[in-house]
Amino acid sequence: FTISRDNAKKTSYLQMNSLKPEDTAVYYCAVRASRL
C-alpha cells in the first residue's frame, strides 16, 4: 500500500496493490487537526 496526498485538492489517496482476502474491510479515512 502507498499513501499520498494532494494538498491543493485536499485529498488523500491509498493505492492498494497485491490485495489479499485478509484486506477485506470497510476502509475509513481520518484527519488529525494538529501536529501528531
Full PDB file with SEQRES, HELIX, SHEET, SSBOND, CRYST1, ORIGX, SCALE, CONECT and MASTER records, all heavy atoms in Angstrom:
SEQRES   1 A   36  PHE THR ILE SER ARG ASP ASN ALA LYS LYS THR SER TYR          
SEQRES   2 A   36  LEU GLN MET ASN SER LEU LYS PRO GLU ASP THR ALA VAL          
SEQRES   3 A   36  TYR TYR CYS ALA VAL ARG ALA SER ARG LEU                      
HELIX    1 AA1 PRO A   21  ASP A   23  5                                   3    
SHEET    1 AA1 2 THR A   2  ASP A   6  0                                        
SHEET    2 AA1 2 THR A  11  GLN A  15 -1                                        
CRYST1    1.000    1.000    1.000  90.00  90.00  90.00 P 1           1          
ORIGX1      1.000000  0.000000  0.000000        0.00000                         
ORIGX2      0.000000  1.000000  0.000000        0.00000                         
ORIGX3      0.000000  0.000000  1.000000        0.00000                         
SCALE1      1.000000  0.000000  0.000000        0.00000                         
SCALE2      0.000000  1.000000  0.000000        0.00000                         
SCALE3      0.000000  0.000000  1.000000        0.00000                         
ATOM      1  N   PHE A   1       0.845  -1.196   0.000  1.00  0.00           N  
ATOM      2  CA  PHE A   1       0.000   0.000   0.000  1.00  0.00           C  
ATOM      3  C   PHE A   1       0.879   1.245   0.000  1.00  0.00           C  
ATOM      4  O   PHE A   1       1.952   1.255   0.601  1.00  0.00           O  
ATOM      5  CB  PHE A   1      -0.892   0.040   1.231  1.00  0.00           C  
ATOM      6  CG  PHE A   1      -1.988  -0.995   1.281  1.00  0.00           C  
ATOM      7  CD1 PHE A   1      -2.023  -2.067   0.382  1.00  0.00           C  
ATOM      8  CD2 PHE A   1      -2.991  -0.899   2.232  1.00  0.00           C  
ATOM      9  CE1 PHE A   1      -3.023  -3.015   0.444  1.00  0.00           C  
ATOM     10  CE2 PHE A   1      -4.002  -1.838   2.302  1.00  0.00           C  
ATOM     11  CZ  PHE A   1      -4.006  -2.908   1.404  1.00  0.00           C  
ATOM     12  N   THR A   2       0.375   2.292  -0.645  1.00  0.00           N  
ATOM     13  CA  THR A   2       1.075   3.572  -0.665  1.00  0.00           C  
ATOM     14  C   THR A   2       0.079   4.688  -0.384  1.00  0.00           C  
ATOM     15  O   THR A   2      -0.940   4.802  -1.070  1.00  0.00           O  
ATOM     16  CB  THR A   2       1.735   3.830  -2.026  1.00  0.00           C  
ATOM     17  OG1 THR A   2       2.645   2.761  -2.327  1.00  0.00           O  
ATOM     18  CG2 THR A   2       2.502   5.156  -2.011  1.00  0.00           C  
ATOM     19  N   ILE A   3       0.395   5.502   0.605  1.00  0.00           N  
ATOM     20  CA  ILE A   3      -0.442   6.649   0.922  1.00  0.00           C  
ATOM     21  C   ILE A   3       0.188   7.901   0.322  1.00  0.00           C  
ATOM     22  O   ILE A   3       1.406   8.038   0.268  1.00  0.00           O  
ATOM     23  CB  ILE A   3      -0.633   6.811   2.447  1.00  0.00           C  
ATOM     24  CG1 ILE A   3      -1.674   7.890   2.747  1.00  0.00           C  
ATOM     25  CG2 ILE A   3       0.694   7.093   3.148  1.00  0.00           C  
ATOM     26  CD1 ILE A   3      -2.073   7.968   4.226  1.00  0.00           C  
ATOM     27  N   SER A   4      -0.671   8.792  -0.147  1.00  0.00           N  
ATOM     28  CA  SER A   4      -0.197  10.065  -0.684  1.00  0.00           C  
ATOM     29  C   SER A   4      -1.276  11.110  -0.450  1.00  0.00           C  
ATOM     30  O   SER A   4      -2.387  10.794  -0.022  1.00  0.00           O  
ATOM     31  CB  SER A   4       0.133   9.947  -2.173  1.00  0.00           C  
ATOM     32  OG  SER A   4      -1.025   9.587  -2.919  1.00  0.00           O  
ATOM     33  N   ARG A   5      -0.921  12.359  -0.723  1.00  0.00           N  
ATOM     34  CA  ARG A   5      -1.902  13.426  -0.561  1.00  0.00           C  
ATOM     35  C   ARG A   5      -1.647  14.511  -1.587  1.00  0.00           C  
ATOM     36  O   ARG A   5      -0.512  14.735  -2.004  1.00  0.00           O  
ATOM     37  CB  ARG A   5      -1.874  13.995   0.854  1.00  0.00           C  
ATOM     38  CG  ARG A   5      -0.569  14.644   1.265  1.00  0.00           C  
ATOM     39  CD  ARG A   5      -0.586  14.973   2.753  1.00  0.00           C  
ATOM     40  NE  ARG A   5      -1.520  16.029   3.072  1.00  0.00           N  
ATOM     41  CZ  ARG A   5      -1.947  16.301   4.308  1.00  0.00           C  
ATOM     42  NH1 ARG A   5      -1.541  15.557   5.324  1.00  0.00           N  
ATOM     43  NH2 ARG A   5      -2.787  17.281   4.520  1.00  0.00           N  
ATOM     44  N   ASP A   6      -2.724  15.193  -1.961  1.00  0.00           N  
ATOM     45  CA  ASP A   6      -2.668  16.348  -2.848  1.00  0.00           C  
ATOM     46  C   ASP A   6      -3.280  17.493  -2.062  1.00  0.00           C  
ATOM     47  O   ASP A   6      -4.506  17.578  -1.921  1.00  0.00           O  
ATOM     48  CB  ASP A   6      -3.451  16.065  -4.135  1.00  0.00           C  
ATOM     49  CG  ASP A   6      -3.358  17.189  -5.151  1.00  0.00           C  
ATOM     50  OD1 ASP A   6      -3.207  18.359  -4.734  1.00  0.00           O  
ATOM     51  OD2 ASP A   6      -3.451  16.897  -6.349  1.00  0.00           O  
ATOM     52  N   ASN A   7      -2.431  18.357  -1.531  1.00  0.00           N  
ATOM     53  CA  ASN A   7      -2.928  19.420  -0.663  1.00  0.00           C  
ATOM     54  C   ASN A   7      -3.814  20.411  -1.415  1.00  0.00           C  
ATOM     55  O   ASN A   7      -4.764  20.951  -0.846  1.00  0.00           O  
ATOM     56  CB  ASN A   7      -1.762  20.149  -0.002  1.00  0.00           C  
ATOM     57  CG  ASN A   7      -1.067  19.292   1.027  1.00  0.00           C  
ATOM     58  OD1 ASN A   7      -1.676  18.421   1.649  1.00  0.00           O  
ATOM     59  ND2 ASN A   7       0.228  19.502   1.201  1.00  0.00           N  
ATOM     60  N   ALA A   8      -3.512  20.646  -2.681  1.00  0.00           N  
ATOM     61  CA  ALA A   8      -4.332  21.581  -3.462  1.00  0.00           C  
ATOM     62  C   ALA A   8      -5.755  21.059  -3.604  1.00  0.00           C  
ATOM     63  O   ALA A   8      -6.717  21.830  -3.617  1.00  0.00           O  
ATOM     64  CB  ALA A   8      -3.713  21.809  -4.826  1.00  0.00           C  
ATOM     65  N   LYS A   9      -5.889  19.754  -3.700  1.00  0.00           N  
ATOM     66  CA  LYS A   9      -7.215  19.140  -3.836  1.00  0.00           C  
ATOM     67  C   LYS A   9      -7.779  18.701  -2.489  1.00  0.00           C  
ATOM     68  O   LYS A   9      -8.892  18.186  -2.431  1.00  0.00           O  
ATOM     69  CB  LYS A   9      -7.145  17.940  -4.773  1.00  0.00           C  
ATOM     70  CG  LYS A   9      -6.777  18.287  -6.207  1.00  0.00           C  
ATOM     71  CD  LYS A   9      -6.775  17.045  -7.079  1.00  0.00           C  
ATOM     72  CE  LYS A   9      -6.452  17.400  -8.525  1.00  0.00           C  
ATOM     73  NZ  LYS A   9      -6.418  16.199  -9.402  1.00  0.00           N  
ATOM     74  N   LYS A  10      -7.012  18.860  -1.428  1.00  0.00           N  
ATOM     75  CA  LYS A  10      -7.432  18.449  -0.087  1.00  0.00           C  
ATOM     76  C   LYS A  10      -7.855  16.974  -0.109  1.00  0.00           C  
ATOM     77  O   LYS A  10      -8.883  16.597   0.452  1.00  0.00           O  
ATOM     78  CB  LYS A  10      -8.577  19.318   0.422  1.00  0.00           C  
ATOM     79  CG  LYS A  10      -8.232  20.785   0.541  1.00  0.00           C  
ATOM     80  CD  LYS A  10      -9.425  21.600   1.029  1.00  0.00           C  
ATOM     81  CE  LYS A  10      -9.108  23.076   1.067  1.00  0.00           C  
ATOM     82  NZ  LYS A  10     -10.292  23.873   1.503  1.00  0.00           N  
ATOM     83  N   THR A  11      -7.067  16.181  -0.747  1.00  0.00           N  
ATOM     84  CA  THR A  11      -7.417  14.772  -0.955  1.00  0.00           C  
ATOM     85  C   THR A  11      -6.250  13.872  -0.578  1.00  0.00           C  
ATOM     86  O   THR A  11      -5.094  14.184  -0.864  1.00  0.00           O  
ATOM     87  CB  THR A  11      -7.813  14.524  -2.418  1.00  0.00           C  
ATOM     88  OG1 THR A  11      -8.950  15.339  -2.743  1.00  0.00           O  
ATOM     89  CG2 THR A  11      -8.174  13.064  -2.648  1.00  0.00           C  
ATOM     90  N   SER A  12      -6.585  12.770   0.063  1.00  0.00           N  
ATOM     91  CA  SER A  12      -5.616  11.730   0.377  1.00  0.00           C  
ATOM     92  C   SER A  12      -5.948  10.502  -0.473  1.00  0.00           C  
ATOM     93  O   SER A  12      -7.124  10.243  -0.757  1.00  0.00           O  
ATOM     94  CB  SER A  12      -5.689  11.374   1.862  1.00  0.00           C  
ATOM     95  OG  SER A  12      -4.937  10.214   2.140  1.00  0.00           O  
ATOM     96  N   TYR A  13      -4.909   9.763  -0.834  1.00  0.00           N  
ATOM     97  CA  TYR A  13      -5.093   8.567  -1.643  1.00  0.00           C  
ATOM     98  C   TYR A  13      -4.442   7.372  -0.952  1.00  0.00           C  
ATOM     99  O   TYR A  13      -3.417   7.509  -0.277  1.00  0.00           O  
ATOM    100  CB  TYR A  13      -4.458   8.741  -3.024  1.00  0.00           C  
ATOM    101  CG  TYR A  13      -4.973   9.934  -3.785  1.00  0.00           C  
ATOM    102  CD1 TYR A  13      -4.270  11.134  -3.774  1.00  0.00           C  
ATOM    103  CD2 TYR A  13      -6.161   9.865  -4.498  1.00  0.00           C  
ATOM    104  CE1 TYR A  13      -4.743  12.239  -4.464  1.00  0.00           C  
ATOM    105  CE2 TYR A  13      -6.645  10.964  -5.192  1.00  0.00           C  
ATOM    106  CZ  TYR A  13      -5.933  12.149  -5.169  1.00  0.00           C  
ATOM    107  OH  TYR A  13      -6.414  13.238  -5.853  1.00  0.00           O  
ATOM    108  N   LEU A  14      -5.022   6.220  -1.148  1.00  0.00           N  
ATOM    109  CA  LEU A  14      -4.426   4.976  -0.672  1.00  0.00           C  
ATOM    110  C   LEU A  14      -4.401   4.015  -1.851  1.00  0.00           C  
ATOM    111  O   LEU A  14      -5.436   3.480  -2.242  1.00  0.00           O  
ATOM    112  CB  LEU A  14      -5.218   4.388   0.494  1.00  0.00           C  
ATOM    113  CG  LEU A  14      -4.583   3.156   1.145  1.00  0.00           C  
ATOM    114  CD1 LEU A  14      -3.288   3.542   1.863  1.00  0.00           C  
ATOM    115  CD2 LEU A  14      -5.542   2.488   2.128  1.00  0.00           C  
ATOM    116  N   GLN A  15      -3.216   3.831  -2.416  1.00  0.00           N  
ATOM    117  CA  GLN A  15      -3.037   2.880  -3.506  1.00  0.00           C  
ATOM    118  C   GLN A  15      -2.779   1.513  -2.905  1.00  0.00           C  
ATOM    119  O   GLN A  15      -1.817   1.350  -2.143  1.00  0.00           O  
ATOM    120  CB  GLN A  15      -1.874   3.295  -4.400  1.00  0.00           C  
ATOM    121  CG  GLN A  15      -1.573   2.333  -5.520  1.00  0.00           C  
ATOM    122  CD  GLN A  15      -2.684   2.263  -6.560  1.00  0.00           C  
ATOM    123  OE1 GLN A  15      -3.223   3.290  -6.969  1.00  0.00           O  
ATOM    124  NE2 GLN A  15      -3.025   1.056  -7.004  1.00  0.00           N  
ATOM    125  N   MET A  16      -3.624   0.557  -3.243  1.00  0.00           N  
ATOM    126  CA  MET A  16      -3.521  -0.771  -2.660  1.00  0.00           C  
ATOM    127  C   MET A  16      -3.228  -1.781  -3.761  1.00  0.00           C  
ATOM    128  O   MET A  16      -4.050  -1.961  -4.674  1.00  0.00           O  
ATOM    129  CB  MET A  16      -4.824  -1.132  -1.946  1.00  0.00           C  
ATOM    130  CG  MET A  16      -5.240  -0.108  -0.903  1.00  0.00           C  
ATOM    131  SD  MET A  16      -6.689  -0.606   0.054  1.00  0.00           S  
ATOM    132  CE  MET A  16      -7.940  -0.652  -1.225  1.00  0.00           C  
ATOM    133  N   ASN A  17      -2.068  -2.392  -3.692  1.00  0.00           N  
ATOM    134  CA  ASN A  17      -1.644  -3.394  -4.671  1.00  0.00           C  
ATOM    135  C   ASN A  17      -1.504  -4.750  -3.997  1.00  0.00           C  
ATOM    136  O   ASN A  17      -1.435  -4.847  -2.774  1.00  0.00           O  
ATOM    137  CB  ASN A  17      -0.320  -2.988  -5.295  1.00  0.00           C  
ATOM    138  CG  ASN A  17      -0.391  -1.675  -6.044  1.00  0.00           C  
ATOM    139  OD1 ASN A  17      -1.428  -1.320  -6.609  1.00  0.00           O  
ATOM    140  ND2 ASN A  17       0.719  -0.949  -6.049  1.00  0.00           N  
ATOM    141  N   SER A  18      -1.438  -5.784  -4.817  1.00  0.00           N  
ATOM    142  CA  SER A  18      -1.274  -7.156  -4.314  1.00  0.00           C  
ATOM    143  C   SER A  18      -2.263  -7.452  -3.194  1.00  0.00           C  
ATOM    144  O   SER A  18      -1.889  -7.973  -2.137  1.00  0.00           O  
ATOM    145  CB  SER A  18       0.165  -7.359  -3.818  1.00  0.00           C  
ATOM    146  OG  SER A  18       1.096  -7.110  -4.854  1.00  0.00           O  
ATOM    147  N   LEU A  19      -3.501  -7.120  -3.438  1.00  0.00           N  
ATOM    148  CA  LEU A  19      -4.517  -7.273  -2.401  1.00  0.00           C  
ATOM    149  C   LEU A  19      -4.735  -8.731  -2.034  1.00  0.00           C  
ATOM    150  O   LEU A  19      -4.636  -9.634  -2.889  1.00  0.00           O  
ATOM    151  CB  LEU A  19      -5.821  -6.633  -2.850  1.00  0.00           C  
ATOM    152  CG  LEU A  19      -5.843  -5.106  -2.745  1.00  0.00           C  
ATOM    153  CD1 LEU A  19      -6.927  -4.515  -3.606  1.00  0.00           C  
ATOM    154  CD2 LEU A  19      -6.013  -4.683  -1.298  1.00  0.00           C  
ATOM    155  N   LYS A  20      -5.027  -8.950  -0.757  1.00  0.00           N  
ATOM    156  CA  LYS A  20      -5.259 -10.281  -0.214  1.00  0.00           C  
ATOM    157  C   LYS A  20      -6.668 -10.347   0.379  1.00  0.00           C  
ATOM    158  O   LYS A  20      -7.221  -9.311   0.769  1.00  0.00           O  
ATOM    159  CB  LYS A  20      -4.238 -10.576   0.888  1.00  0.00           C  
ATOM    160  CG  LYS A  20      -2.792 -10.416   0.471  1.00  0.00           C  
ATOM    161  CD  LYS A  20      -1.868 -10.597   1.670  1.00  0.00           C  
ATOM    162  CE  LYS A  20      -0.407 -10.409   1.276  1.00  0.00           C  
ATOM    163  NZ  LYS A  20       0.499 -10.572   2.445  1.00  0.00           N  
ATOM    164  N   PRO A  21      -7.227 -11.543   0.485  1.00  0.00           N  
ATOM    165  CA  PRO A  21      -8.561 -11.648   1.106  1.00  0.00           C  
ATOM    166  C   PRO A  21      -8.610 -11.043   2.505  1.00  0.00           C  
ATOM    167  O   PRO A  21      -9.642 -10.475   2.893  1.00  0.00           O  
ATOM    168  CB  PRO A  21      -8.801 -13.160   1.136  1.00  0.00           C  
ATOM    169  CG  PRO A  21      -8.024 -13.679  -0.035  1.00  0.00           C  
ATOM    170  CD  PRO A  21      -6.796 -12.818  -0.096  1.00  0.00           C  
ATOM    171  N   GLU A  22      -7.520 -11.113   3.235  1.00  0.00           N  
ATOM    172  CA  GLU A  22      -7.497 -10.537   4.585  1.00  0.00           C  
ATOM    173  C   GLU A  22      -7.492  -9.017   4.599  1.00  0.00           C  
ATOM    174  O   GLU A  22      -7.588  -8.407   5.668  1.00  0.00           O  
ATOM    175  CB  GLU A  22      -6.303 -11.083   5.392  1.00  0.00           C  
ATOM    176  CG  GLU A  22      -4.969 -10.970   4.698  1.00  0.00           C  
ATOM    177  CD  GLU A  22      -4.573 -12.255   3.991  1.00  0.00           C  
ATOM    178  OE1 GLU A  22      -5.446 -12.862   3.308  1.00  0.00           O  
ATOM    179  OE2 GLU A  22      -3.393 -12.642   4.103  1.00  0.00           O  
ATOM    180  N   ASP A  23      -7.386  -8.392   3.429  1.00  0.00           N  
ATOM    181  CA  ASP A  23      -7.523  -6.933   3.352  1.00  0.00           C  
ATOM    182  C   ASP A  23      -8.986  -6.506   3.288  1.00  0.00           C  
ATOM    183  O   ASP A  23      -9.291  -5.312   3.323  1.00  0.00           O  
ATOM    184  CB  ASP A  23      -6.801  -6.391   2.108  1.00  0.00           C  
ATOM    185  CG  ASP A  23      -5.302  -6.572   2.175  1.00  0.00           C  
ATOM    186  OD1 ASP A  23      -4.719  -6.333   3.250  1.00  0.00           O  
ATOM    187  OD2 ASP A  23      -4.715  -6.959   1.148  1.00  0.00           O  
ATOM    188  N   THR A  24      -9.880  -7.467   3.188  1.00  0.00           N  
ATOM    189  CA  THR A  24     -11.308  -7.157   3.126  1.00  0.00           C  
ATOM    190  C   THR A  24     -11.762  -6.457   4.406  1.00  0.00           C  
ATOM    191  O   THR A  24     -11.537  -6.943   5.510  1.00  0.00           O  
ATOM    192  CB  THR A  24     -12.125  -8.449   2.932  1.00  0.00           C  
ATOM    193  OG1 THR A  24     -11.815  -9.001   1.653  1.00  0.00           O  
ATOM    194  CG2 THR A  24     -13.619  -8.164   3.016  1.00  0.00           C  
ATOM    195  N   ALA A  25     -12.360  -5.285   4.232  1.00  0.00           N  
ATOM    196  CA  ALA A  25     -12.794  -4.487   5.378  1.00  0.00           C  
ATOM    197  C   ALA A  25     -13.489  -3.225   4.861  1.00  0.00           C  
ATOM    198  O   ALA A  25     -13.452  -2.924   3.668  1.00  0.00           O  
ATOM    199  CB  ALA A  25     -11.601  -4.092   6.242  1.00  0.00           C  
ATOM    200  N   VAL A  26     -14.073  -2.500   5.783  1.00  0.00           N  
ATOM    201  CA  VAL A  26     -14.501  -1.132   5.500  1.00  0.00           C  
ATOM    202  C   VAL A  26     -13.313  -0.229   5.801  1.00  0.00           C  
ATOM    203  O   VAL A  26     -12.736  -0.299   6.892  1.00  0.00           O  
ATOM    204  CB  VAL A  26     -15.720  -0.723   6.340  1.00  0.00           C  
ATOM    205  CG1 VAL A  26     -16.084   0.737   6.063  1.00  0.00           C  
ATOM    206  CG2 VAL A  26     -16.902  -1.632   6.048  1.00  0.00           C  
ATOM    207  N   TYR A  27     -12.957   0.587   4.840  1.00  0.00           N  
ATOM    208  CA  TYR A  27     -11.816   1.480   4.981  1.00  0.00           C  
ATOM    209  C   TYR A  27     -12.303   2.895   5.290  1.00  0.00           C  
ATOM    210  O   TYR A  27     -13.189   3.418   4.597  1.00  0.00           O  
ATOM    211  CB  TYR A  27     -10.981   1.467   3.712  1.00  0.00           C  
ATOM    212  CG  TYR A  27     -10.115   0.240   3.598  1.00  0.00           C  
ATOM    213  CD1 TYR A  27     -10.671  -1.010   3.361  1.00  0.00           C  
ATOM    214  CD2 TYR A  27      -8.732   0.311   3.759  1.00  0.00           C  
ATOM    215  CE1 TYR A  27      -9.897  -2.148   3.294  1.00  0.00           C  
ATOM    216  CE2 TYR A  27      -7.937  -0.824   3.679  1.00  0.00           C  
ATOM    217  CZ  TYR A  27      -8.524  -2.052   3.446  1.00  0.00           C  
ATOM    218  OH  TYR A  27      -7.743  -3.181   3.375  1.00  0.00           O  
ATOM    219  N   TYR A  28     -11.701   3.488   6.310  1.00  0.00           N  
ATOM    220  CA  TYR A  28     -12.072   4.828   6.754  1.00  0.00           C  
ATOM    221  C   TYR A  28     -10.875   5.768   6.644  1.00  0.00           C  
ATOM    222  O   TYR A  28      -9.756   5.387   6.979  1.00  0.00           O  
ATOM    223  CB  TYR A  28     -12.503   4.805   8.213  1.00  0.00           C  
ATOM    224  CG  TYR A  28     -13.702   3.958   8.511  1.00  0.00           C  
ATOM    225  CD1 TYR A  28     -13.570   2.615   8.847  1.00  0.00           C  
ATOM    226  CD2 TYR A  28     -14.989   4.504   8.479  1.00  0.00           C  
ATOM    227  CE1 TYR A  28     -14.673   1.833   9.134  1.00  0.00           C  
ATOM    228  CE2 TYR A  28     -16.098   3.729   8.768  1.00  0.00           C  
ATOM    229  CZ  TYR A  28     -15.933   2.395   9.083  1.00  0.00           C  
ATOM    230  OH  TYR A  28     -17.036   1.631   9.380  1.00  0.00           O  
ATOM    231  N   CYS A  29     -11.136   6.982   6.200  1.00  0.00           N  
ATOM    232  CA  CYS A  29     -10.092   7.989   6.295  1.00  0.00           C  
ATOM    233  C   CYS A  29     -10.389   8.874   7.502  1.00  0.00           C  
ATOM    234  O   CYS A  29     -11.534   8.977   7.954  1.00  0.00           O  
ATOM    235  CB  CYS A  29      -9.959   8.808   5.023  1.00  0.00           C  
ATOM    236  SG  CYS A  29     -11.294   9.952   4.685  1.00  0.00           S  
ATOM    237  N   ALA A  30      -9.334   9.483   7.997  1.00  0.00           N  
ATOM    238  CA  ALA A  30      -9.440  10.297   9.199  1.00  0.00           C  
ATOM    239  C   ALA A  30      -8.461  11.446   9.120  1.00  0.00           C  
ATOM    240  O   ALA A  30      -7.434  11.357   8.436  1.00  0.00           O  
ATOM    241  CB  ALA A  30      -9.171   9.448  10.437  1.00  0.00           C  
ATOM    242  N   VAL A  31      -8.767  12.511   9.822  1.00  0.00           N  
ATOM    243  CA  VAL A  31      -7.894  13.690   9.869  1.00  0.00           C  
ATOM    244  C   VAL A  31      -7.614  14.075  11.314  1.00  0.00           C  
ATOM    245  O   VAL A  31      -8.524  14.137  12.147  1.00  0.00           O  
ATOM    246  CB  VAL A  31      -8.522  14.885   9.122  1.00  0.00           C  
ATOM    247  CG1 VAL A  31      -7.793  16.185   9.474  1.00  0.00           C  
ATOM    248  CG2 VAL A  31      -8.467  14.669   7.617  1.00  0.00           C  
ATOM    249  N   ARG A  32      -6.370  14.343  11.559  1.00  0.00           N  
ATOM    250  CA  ARG A  32      -5.947  14.944  12.824  1.00  0.00           C  
ATOM    251  C   ARG A  32      -5.709  16.416  12.546  1.00  0.00           C  
ATOM    252  O   ARG A  32      -4.967  16.763  11.642  1.00  0.00           O  
ATOM    253  CB  ARG A  32      -4.653  14.285  13.291  1.00  0.00           C  
ATOM    254  CG  ARG A  32      -3.862  15.085  14.301  1.00  0.00           C  
ATOM    255  CD  ARG A  32      -4.409  14.912  15.695  1.00  0.00           C  
ATOM    256  NE  ARG A  32      -3.496  15.534  16.658  1.00  0.00           N  
ATOM    257  CZ  ARG A  32      -3.443  15.185  17.915  1.00  0.00           C  
ATOM    258  NH1 ARG A  32      -4.220  14.212  18.386  1.00  0.00           N  
ATOM    259  NH2 ARG A  32      -2.605  15.793  18.729  1.00  0.00           N  
ATOM    260  N   ALA A  33      -6.325  17.302  13.340  1.00  0.00           N  
ATOM    261  CA  ALA A  33      -6.317  18.734  13.024  1.00  0.00           C  
ATOM    262  C   ALA A  33      -5.106  19.473  13.543  1.00  0.00           C  
ATOM    263  O   ALA A  33      -5.054  20.700  13.452  1.00  0.00           O  
ATOM    264  CB  ALA A  33      -7.586  19.376  13.565  1.00  0.00           C  
ATOM    265  N   SER A  34      -4.144  18.777  14.095  1.00  0.00           N  
ATOM    266  CA  SER A  34      -2.947  19.428  14.608  1.00  0.00           C  
ATOM    267  C   SER A  34      -1.786  18.457  14.500  1.00  0.00           C  
ATOM    268  O   SER A  34      -1.947  17.306  14.100  1.00  0.00           O  
ATOM    269  CB  SER A  34      -3.157  19.883  16.048  1.00  0.00           C  
ATOM    270  OG  SER A  34      -3.500  18.779  16.856  1.00  0.00           O  
ATOM    271  N   ARG A  35      -0.601  18.947  14.869  1.00  0.00           N  
ATOM    272  CA  ARG A  35       0.596  18.141  14.753  1.00  0.00           C  
ATOM    273  C   ARG A  35       0.469  16.853  15.569  1.00  0.00           C  
ATOM    274  O   ARG A  35      -0.152  16.821  16.616  1.00  0.00           O  
ATOM    275  CB  ARG A  35       1.795  18.935  15.267  1.00  0.00           C  
ATOM    276  CG  ARG A  35       3.135  18.461  14.720  1.00  0.00           C  
ATOM    277  CD  ARG A  35       3.257  18.756  13.259  1.00  0.00           C  
ATOM    278  NE  ARG A  35       4.610  18.512  12.746  1.00  0.00           N  
ATOM    279  CZ  ARG A  35       4.933  18.557  11.473  1.00  0.00           C  
ATOM    280  NH1 ARG A  35       4.026  18.829  10.566  1.00  0.00           N  
ATOM    281  NH2 ARG A  35       6.169  18.334  11.089  1.00  0.00           N  
ATOM    282  N   LEU A  36       1.060  15.776  15.027  1.00  0.00           N  
ATOM    283  CA  LEU A  36       0.956  14.472  15.671  1.00  0.00           C  
ATOM    284  C   LEU A  36       2.272  13.735  15.518  1.00  0.00           C  
ATOM    285  O   LEU A  36       2.838  13.677  14.425  1.00  0.00           O  
ATOM    286  CB  LEU A  36      -0.184  13.672  15.028  1.00  0.00           C  
ATOM    287  CG  LEU A  36      -0.490  12.295  15.597  1.00  0.00           C  
ATOM    288  CD1 LEU A  36      -0.990  12.404  17.032  1.00  0.00           C  
ATOM    289  CD2 LEU A  36      -1.527  11.587  14.726  1.00  0.00           C  
TER     290      LEU A  36                                                      
MASTER        0    0    0    1    2    0    0    6  289    1    0    3          
END                                                                             
